[in-house]
Each structure stands twice: as structure tokens, then as C-alpha cells.
Amino acid sequence: MTSVAARPSAVWTPAAGHVPGASELGGKGHNLARLAALGQRVPPFFVLRADAVSSGDGDALAAAVRQALPALG
């Protein structure tokens, strides 16, 4: 199993630019990302990619979340 923390794509942020599909971000994450891309006001956020969540590597996923949290302000 590949470590989630080793994959930089485990956490998606609006700064990444391109909005991946709903199958990658999940429906709610994808819709929030689309709103942000359209310039709508949304709270600061990041999205855990669906494959990262289903990887089963909870420790690595928690590390990815801890790394992404400071960017929220």
C-alpha cells in the first residue's frame, strides 16, 4: 500500500487551480471546489481525495490533514 502522506495529491486545495472530478474529490468536495473556482465566497477549505480516504492508512491520512490545517488560517 502506498503511503497517503507520500502522495502530495492526498489533500486538494483551491490553490491547486484545476478542479478534479467528483469521483476524485467526492460530491461535496467537488461542489465546494467548483464554487470556489467560480469565485463564490466559501470558507477556507481543503478536500481529502477519495482514494486517500479509502486507502486505509489512517496514520498517514491524519498526518496529511495536520499538514494542511495551518493553511486554513
PDB file of N, CA and C in Angstrom:
ATOM      1  N   MET A   1       0.854  -1.177   0.000  1.00  0.00           N
ATOM      2  CA  MET A   1       0.000   0.000   0.000  1.00  0.00           C
ATOM      3  C   MET A   1       0.899   1.238   0.000  1.00  0.00           C
ATOM      4  N   THR A   2       0.581   2.224  -0.838  1.00  0.00           N
ATOM      5  CA  THR A   2       1.337   3.461  -0.912  1.00  0.00           C
ATOM      6  C   THR A   2       0.891   4.382   0.211  1.00  0.00           C
ATOM      7  N   SER A   3       1.825   4.994   0.886  1.00  0.00           N
ATOM      8  CA  SER A   3       1.513   5.888   1.990  1.00  0.00           C
ATOM      9  C   SER A   3       0.784   7.129   1.485  1.00  0.00           C
ATOM     10  N   VAL A   4      -0.280   7.508   2.177  1.00  0.00           N
ATOM     11  CA  VAL A   4      -1.039   8.699   1.808  1.00  0.00           C
ATOM     12  C   VAL A   4      -0.170   9.941   1.932  1.00  0.00           C
ATOM     13  N   ALA A   5       0.637  10.019   2.986  1.00  0.00           N
ATOM     14  CA  ALA A   5       1.472  11.193   3.205  1.00  0.00           C
ATOM     15  C   ALA A   5       2.504  11.346   2.088  1.00  0.00           C
ATOM     16  N   ALA A   6       2.912  10.247   1.462  1.00  0.00           N
ATOM     17  CA  ALA A   6       3.903  10.305   0.390  1.00  0.00           C
ATOM     18  C   ALA A   6       3.297  10.851  -0.898  1.00  0.00           C
ATOM     19  N   ARG A   7       1.981  10.772  -1.007  1.00  0.00           N
ATOM     20  CA  ARG A   7       1.302  11.276  -2.201  1.00  0.00           C
ATOM     21  C   ARG A   7       0.868  12.712  -1.962  1.00  0.00           C
ATOM     22  N   PRO A   8       1.441  13.684  -2.677  1.00  0.00           N
ATOM     23  CA  PRO A   8       1.045  15.070  -2.442  1.00  0.00           C
ATOM     24  C   PRO A   8      -0.404  15.331  -2.822  1.00  0.00           C
ATOM     25  N   SER A   9      -1.020  14.447  -3.567  1.00  0.00           N
ATOM     26  CA  SER A   9      -2.388  14.669  -4.010  1.00  0.00           C
ATOM     27  C   SER A   9      -3.423  14.176  -3.002  1.00  0.00           C
ATOM     28  N   ALA A  10      -3.013  13.704  -1.809  1.00  0.00           N
ATOM     29  CA  ALA A  10      -3.976  13.227  -0.815  1.00  0.00           C
ATOM     30  C   ALA A  10      -4.905  14.348  -0.367  1.00  0.00           C
ATOM     31  N   VAL A  11      -4.399  15.575  -0.331  1.00  0.00           N
ATOM     32  CA  VAL A  11      -5.186  16.740   0.072  1.00  0.00           C
ATOM     33  C   VAL A  11      -5.225  17.704  -1.100  1.00  0.00           C
ATOM     34  N   TRP A  12      -6.430  18.104  -1.488  1.00  0.00           N
ATOM     35  CA  TRP A  12      -6.592  19.073  -2.575  1.00  0.00           C
ATOM     36  C   TRP A  12      -6.974  20.415  -1.962  1.00  0.00           C
ATOM     37  N   THR A  13      -6.377  21.495  -2.470  1.00  0.00           N
ATOM     38  CA  THR A  13      -6.723  22.847  -2.021  1.00  0.00           C
ATOM     39  C   THR A  13      -7.080  23.700  -3.232  1.00  0.00           C
ATOM     40  N   PRO A  14      -7.838  24.762  -3.027  1.00  0.00           N
ATOM     41  CA  PRO A  14      -8.185  25.639  -4.145  1.00  0.00           C
ATOM     42  C   PRO A  14      -6.956  26.226  -4.836  1.00  0.00           C
ATOM     43  N   ALA A  15      -5.841  26.335  -4.136  1.00  0.00           N
ATOM     44  CA  ALA A  15      -4.624  26.871  -4.743  1.00  0.00           C
ATOM     45  C   ALA A  15      -4.112  25.980  -5.877  1.00  0.00           C
ATOM     46  N   ALA A  16      -4.544  24.739  -5.897  1.00  0.00           N
ATOM     47  CA  ALA A  16      -4.114  23.809  -6.946  1.00  0.00           C
ATOM     48  C   ALA A  16      -4.646  24.223  -8.314  1.00  0.00           C
ATOM     49  N   GLY A  17      -5.703  25.031  -8.318  1.00  0.00           N
ATOM     50  CA  GLY A  17      -6.239  25.512  -9.591  1.00  0.00           C
ATOM     51  C   GLY A  17      -7.268  24.565 -10.176  1.00  0.00           C
ATOM     52  N   HIS A  18      -6.828  23.597 -10.948  1.00  0.00           N
ATOM     53  CA  HIS A  18      -7.720  22.660 -11.632  1.00  0.00           C
ATOM     54  C   HIS A  18      -8.608  21.923 -10.634  1.00  0.00           C
ATOM     55  N   VAL A  19      -9.901  21.872 -10.920  1.00  0.00           N
ATOM     56  CA  VAL A  19     -10.844  21.170 -10.056  1.00  0.00           C
ATOM     57  C   VAL A  19     -11.025  19.748 -10.593  1.00  0.00           C
ATOM     58  N   PRO A  20     -10.585  18.755  -9.842  1.00  0.00           N
ATOM     59  CA  PRO A  20     -10.779  17.366 -10.263  1.00  0.00           C
ATOM     60  C   PRO A  20     -12.252  16.985 -10.245  1.00  0.00           C
ATOM     61  N   GLY A  21     -12.567  15.878 -10.832  1.00  0.00           N
ATOM     62  CA  GLY A  21     -13.945  15.403 -10.889  1.00  0.00           C
ATOM     63  C   GLY A  21     -14.464  14.926  -9.548  1.00  0.00           C
ATOM     64  N   ALA A  22     -15.772  14.730  -9.490  1.00  0.00           N
ATOM     65  CA  ALA A  22     -16.426  14.290  -8.256  1.00  0.00           C
ATOM     66  C   ALA A  22     -15.930  12.920  -7.822  1.00  0.00           C
ATOM     67  N   SER A  23     -15.521  12.083  -8.751  1.00  0.00           N
ATOM     68  CA  SER A  23     -15.030  10.764  -8.365  1.00  0.00           C
ATOM     69  C   SER A  23     -13.707  10.855  -7.613  1.00  0.00           C
ATOM     70  N   GLU A  24     -12.962  11.934  -7.806  1.00  0.00           N
ATOM     71  CA  GLU A  24     -11.690  12.120  -7.107  1.00  0.00           C
ATOM     72  C   GLU A  24     -11.857  12.834  -5.775  1.00  0.00           C
ATOM     73  N   LEU A  25     -12.765  13.809  -5.732  1.00  0.00           N
ATOM     74  CA  LEU A  25     -12.934  14.618  -4.520  1.00  0.00           C
ATOM     75  C   LEU A  25     -14.157  14.240  -3.705  1.00  0.00           C
ATOM     76  N   GLY A  26     -15.036  13.446  -4.258  1.00  0.00           N
ATOM     77  CA  GLY A  26     -16.317  13.201  -3.609  1.00  0.00           C
ATOM     78  C   GLY A  26     -17.272  14.316  -3.996  1.00  0.00           C
ATOM     79  N   GLY A  27     -18.540  14.071  -3.917  1.00  0.00           N
ATOM     80  CA  GLY A  27     -19.538  15.029  -4.381  1.00  0.00           C
ATOM     81  C   GLY A  27     -19.502  16.363  -3.657  1.00  0.00           C
ATOM     82  N   LYS A  28     -19.472  16.344  -2.337  1.00  0.00           N
ATOM     83  CA  LYS A  28     -19.484  17.590  -1.573  1.00  0.00           C
ATOM     84  C   LYS A  28     -18.204  18.385  -1.794  1.00  0.00           C
ATOM     85  N   GLY A  29     -17.078  17.701  -1.777  1.00  0.00           N
ATOM     86  CA  GLY A  29     -15.798  18.381  -2.010  1.00  0.00           C
ATOM     87  C   GLY A  29     -15.719  18.971  -3.399  1.00  0.00           C
ATOM     88  N   HIS A  30     -16.220  18.223  -4.377  1.00  0.00           N
ATOM     89  CA  HIS A  30     -16.198  18.708  -5.758  1.00  0.00           C
ATOM     90  C   HIS A  30     -17.069  19.949  -5.915  1.00  0.00           C
ATOM     91  N   ASN A  31     -18.260  19.922  -5.329  1.00  0.00           N
ATOM     92  CA  ASN A  31     -19.148  21.084  -5.438  1.00  0.00           C
ATOM     93  C   ASN A  31     -18.564  22.312  -4.746  1.00  0.00           C
ATOM     94  N   LEU A  32     -17.946  22.125  -3.599  1.00  0.00           N
ATOM     95  CA  LEU A  32     -17.306  23.237  -2.900  1.00  0.00           C
ATOM     96  C   LEU A  32     -16.152  23.786  -3.741  1.00  0.00           C
ATOM     97  N   ALA A  33     -15.376  22.895  -4.339  1.00  0.00           N
ATOM     98  CA  ALA A  33     -14.264  23.314  -5.195  1.00  0.00           C
ATOM     99  C   ALA A  33     -14.770  24.079  -6.417  1.00  0.00           C
ATOM    100  N   ARG A  34     -15.874  23.636  -6.993  1.00  0.00           N
ATOM    101  CA  ARG A  34     -16.445  24.338  -8.153  1.00  0.00           C
ATOM    102  C   ARG A  34     -16.908  25.732  -7.770  1.00  0.00           C
ATOM    103  N   LEU A  35     -17.556  25.863  -6.623  1.00  0.00           N
ATOM    104  CA  LEU A  35     -17.994  27.184  -6.165  1.00  0.00           C
ATOM    105  C   LEU A  35     -16.801  28.116  -5.989  1.00  0.00           C
ATOM    106  N   ALA A  36     -15.738  27.613  -5.379  1.00  0.00           N
ATOM    107  CA  ALA A  36     -14.537  28.434  -5.184  1.00  0.00           C
ATOM    108  C   ALA A  36     -13.943  28.830  -6.536  1.00  0.00           C
ATOM    109  N   ALA A  37     -13.910  27.901  -7.484  1.00  0.00           N
ATOM    110  CA  ALA A  37     -13.347  28.185  -8.806  1.00  0.00           C
ATOM    111  C   ALA A  37     -14.175  29.225  -9.559  1.00  0.00           C
ATOM    112  N   LEU A  38     -15.466  29.275  -9.267  1.00  0.00           N
ATOM    113  CA  LEU A  38     -16.344  30.262  -9.911  1.00  0.00           C
ATOM    114  C   LEU A  38     -16.285  31.627  -9.231  1.00  0.00           C
ATOM    115  N   GLY A  39     -15.509  31.717  -8.157  1.00  0.00           N
ATOM    116  CA  GLY A  39     -15.362  32.990  -7.466  1.00  0.00           C
ATOM    117  C   GLY A  39     -16.389  33.237  -6.374  1.00  0.00           C
ATOM    118  N   GLN A  40     -17.166  32.226  -6.039  1.00  0.00           N
ATOM    119  CA  GLN A  40     -18.149  32.377  -4.968  1.00  0.00           C
ATOM    120  C   GLN A  40     -17.428  32.410  -3.630  1.00  0.00           C
ATOM    121  N   ARG A  41     -18.030  33.083  -2.679  1.00  0.00           N
ATOM    122  CA  ARG A  41     -17.434  33.145  -1.334  1.00  0.00           C
ATOM    123  C   ARG A  41     -17.687  31.823  -0.628  1.00  0.00           C
ATOM    124  N   VAL A  42     -16.618  31.178  -0.261  1.00  0.00           N
ATOM    125  CA  VAL A  42     -16.688  29.936   0.509  1.00  0.00           C
ATOM    126  C   VAL A  42     -15.660  30.051   1.636  1.00  0.00           C
ATOM    127  N   PRO A  43     -15.877  29.359   2.724  1.00  0.00           N
ATOM    128  CA  PRO A  43     -14.886  29.405   3.805  1.00  0.00           C
ATOM    129  C   PRO A  43     -13.596  28.722   3.359  1.00  0.00           C
ATOM    130  N   PRO A  44     -12.487  29.039   4.014  1.00  0.00           N
ATOM    131  CA  PRO A  44     -11.242  28.345   3.685  1.00  0.00           C
ATOM    132  C   PRO A  44     -11.449  26.835   3.859  1.00  0.00           C
ATOM    133  N   PHE A  45     -10.910  26.059   2.938  1.00  0.00           N
ATOM    134  CA  PHE A  45     -11.129  24.615   2.998  1.00  0.00           C
ATOM    135  C   PHE A  45     -10.033  23.852   2.276  1.00  0.00           C
ATOM    136  N   PHE A  46      -9.997  22.569   2.542  1.00  0.00           N
ATOM    137  CA  PHE A  46      -9.234  21.618   1.750  1.00  0.00           C
ATOM    138  C   PHE A  46     -10.096  20.369   1.651  1.00  0.00           C
ATOM    139  N   VAL A  47      -9.800  19.538   0.684  1.00  0.00           N
ATOM    140  CA  VAL A  47     -10.582  18.331   0.453  1.00  0.00           C
ATOM    141  C   VAL A  47      -9.641  17.130   0.474  1.00  0.00           C
ATOM    142  N   LEU A  48     -10.027  16.104   1.201  1.00  0.00           N
ATOM    143  CA  LEU A  48      -9.283  14.854   1.163  1.00  0.00           C
ATOM    144  C   LEU A  48      -9.760  14.070  -0.051  1.00  0.00           C
ATOM    145  N   ARG A  49      -8.832  13.678  -0.881  1.00  0.00           N
ATOM    146  CA  ARG A  49      -9.206  12.917  -2.067  1.00  0.00           C
ATOM    147  C   ARG A  49      -9.798  11.565  -1.674  1.00  0.00           C
ATOM    148  N   ALA A  50     -10.769  11.127  -2.443  1.00  0.00           N
ATOM    149  CA  ALA A  50     -11.484   9.884  -2.151  1.00  0.00           C
ATOM    150  C   ALA A  50     -10.533   8.701  -2.038  1.00  0.00           C
ATOM    151  N   ASP A  51      -9.552   8.602  -2.910  1.00  0.00           N
ATOM    152  CA  ASP A  51      -8.632   7.468  -2.855  1.00  0.00           C
ATOM    153  C   ASP A  51      -7.774   7.500  -1.595  1.00  0.00           C
ATOM    154  N   ALA A  52      -7.478   8.683  -1.091  1.00  0.00           N
ATOM    155  CA  ALA A  52      -6.690   8.793   0.134  1.00  0.00           C
ATOM    156  C   ALA A  52      -7.492   8.305   1.334  1.00  0.00           C
ATOM    157  N   VAL A  53      -8.776   8.632   1.350  1.00  0.00           N
ATOM    158  CA  VAL A  53      -9.628   8.223   2.458  1.00  0.00           C
ATOM    159  C   VAL A  53      -9.834   6.713   2.438  1.00  0.00           C
ATOM    160  N   SER A  54     -10.002   6.150   1.256  1.00  0.00           N
ATOM    161  CA  SER A  54     -10.260   4.712   1.156  1.00  0.00           C
ATOM    162  C   SER A  54      -8.986   3.869   1.206  1.00  0.00           C
ATOM    163  N   SER A  55      -7.833   4.510   1.339  1.00  0.00           N
ATOM    164  CA  SER A  55      -6.568   3.769   1.349  1.00  0.00           C
ATOM    165  C   SER A  55      -6.401   2.908   2.595  1.00  0.00           C
ATOM    166  N   GLY A  56      -7.074   3.272   3.668  1.00  0.00           N
ATOM    167  CA  GLY A  56      -6.979   2.510   4.896  1.00  0.00           C
ATOM    168  C   GLY A  56      -5.775   2.860   5.757  1.00  0.00           C
ATOM    169  N   ASP A  57      -4.982   3.836   5.341  1.00  0.00           N
ATOM    170  CA  ASP A  57      -3.792   4.226   6.101  1.00  0.00           C
ATOM    171  C   ASP A  57      -4.132   5.453   6.948  1.00  0.00           C
ATOM    172  N   GLY A  58      -4.766   5.213   8.082  1.00  0.00           N
ATOM    173  CA  GLY A  58      -5.256   6.293   8.928  1.00  0.00           C
ATOM    174  C   GLY A  58      -4.169   7.202   9.465  1.00  0.00           C
ATOM    175  N   ASP A  59      -3.026   6.630   9.834  1.00  0.00           N
ATOM    176  CA  ASP A  59      -1.944   7.447  10.374  1.00  0.00           C
ATOM    177  C   ASP A  59      -1.417   8.422   9.325  1.00  0.00           C
ATOM    178  N   ALA A  60      -1.221   7.949   8.121  1.00  0.00           N
ATOM    179  CA  ALA A  60      -0.721   8.807   7.047  1.00  0.00           C
ATOM    180  C   ALA A  60      -1.754   9.860   6.665  1.00  0.00           C
ATOM    181  N   LEU A  61      -3.027   9.472   6.682  1.00  0.00           N
ATOM    182  CA  LEU A  61      -4.081  10.431   6.368  1.00  0.00           C
ATOM    183  C   LEU A  61      -4.146  11.513   7.438  1.00  0.00           C
ATOM    184  N   ALA A  62      -4.023  11.130   8.694  1.00  0.00           N
ATOM    185  CA  ALA A  62      -4.012  12.110   9.782  1.00  0.00           C
ATOM    186  C   ALA A  62      -2.836  13.070   9.639  1.00  0.00           C
ATOM    187  N   ALA A  63      -1.692  12.558   9.223  1.00  0.00           N
ATOM    188  CA  ALA A  63      -0.525  13.416   9.013  1.00  0.00           C
ATOM    189  C   ALA A  63      -0.780  14.405   7.879  1.00  0.00           C
ATOM    190  N   ALA A  64      -1.439  13.960   6.818  1.00  0.00           N
ATOM    191  CA  ALA A  64      -1.755  14.843   5.697  1.00  0.00           C
ATOM    192  C   ALA A  64      -2.712  15.945   6.133  1.00  0.00           C
ATOM    193  N   VAL A  65      -3.671  15.606   6.979  1.00  0.00           N
ATOM    194  CA  VAL A  65      -4.625  16.598   7.493  1.00  0.00           C
ATOM    195  C   VAL A  65      -3.893  17.602   8.385  1.00  0.00           C
ATOM    196  N   ARG A  66      -3.032  17.119   9.290  1.00  0.00           N
ATOM    197  CA  ARG A  66      -2.283  18.033  10.161  1.00  0.00           C
ATOM    198  C   ARG A  66      -1.423  18.988   9.332  1.00  0.00           C
ATOM    199  N   GLN A  67      -0.885  18.510   8.237  1.00  0.00           N
ATOM    200  CA  GLN A  67      -0.062  19.366   7.390  1.00  0.00           C
ATOM    201  C   GLN A  67      -0.904  20.411   6.656  1.00  0.00           C
ATOM    202  N   ALA A  68      -2.125  20.080   6.305  1.00  0.00           N
ATOM    203  CA  ALA A  68      -2.996  21.001   5.555  1.00  0.00           C
ATOM    204  C   ALA A  68      -3.700  22.024   6.451  1.00  0.00           C
ATOM    205  N   LEU A  69      -3.911  21.709   7.707  1.00  0.00           N
ATOM    206  CA  LEU A  69      -4.671  22.597   8.607  1.00  0.00           C
ATOM    207  C   LEU A  69      -4.106  24.013   8.738  1.00  0.00           C
ATOM    208  N   PRO A  70      -2.801  24.219   8.871  1.00  0.00           N
ATOM    209  CA  PRO A  70      -2.298  25.594   9.032  1.00  0.00           C
ATOM    210  C   PRO A  70      -2.647  26.524   7.878  1.00  0.00           C
ATOM    211  N   ALA A  71      -2.842  25.995   6.698  1.00  0.00           N
ATOM    212  CA  ALA A  71      -3.173  26.832   5.545  1.00  0.00           C
ATOM    213  C   ALA A  71      -4.571  27.438   5.662  1.00  0.00           C
ATOM    214  N   LEU A  72      -5.396  26.894   6.548  1.00  0.00           N
ATOM    215  CA  LEU A  72      -6.755  27.431   6.700  1.00  0.00           C
ATOM    216  C   LEU A  72      -6.769  28.748   7.463  1.00  0.00           C
ATOM    217  N   GLY A  73      -5.693  29.035   8.151  1.00  0.00           N
ATOM    218  CA  GLY A  73      -5.597  30.321   8.850  1.00  0.00           C
ATOM    219  C   GLY A  73      -6.008  30.335  10.238  1.00  0.00           C
TER     220      GLY A  73
END
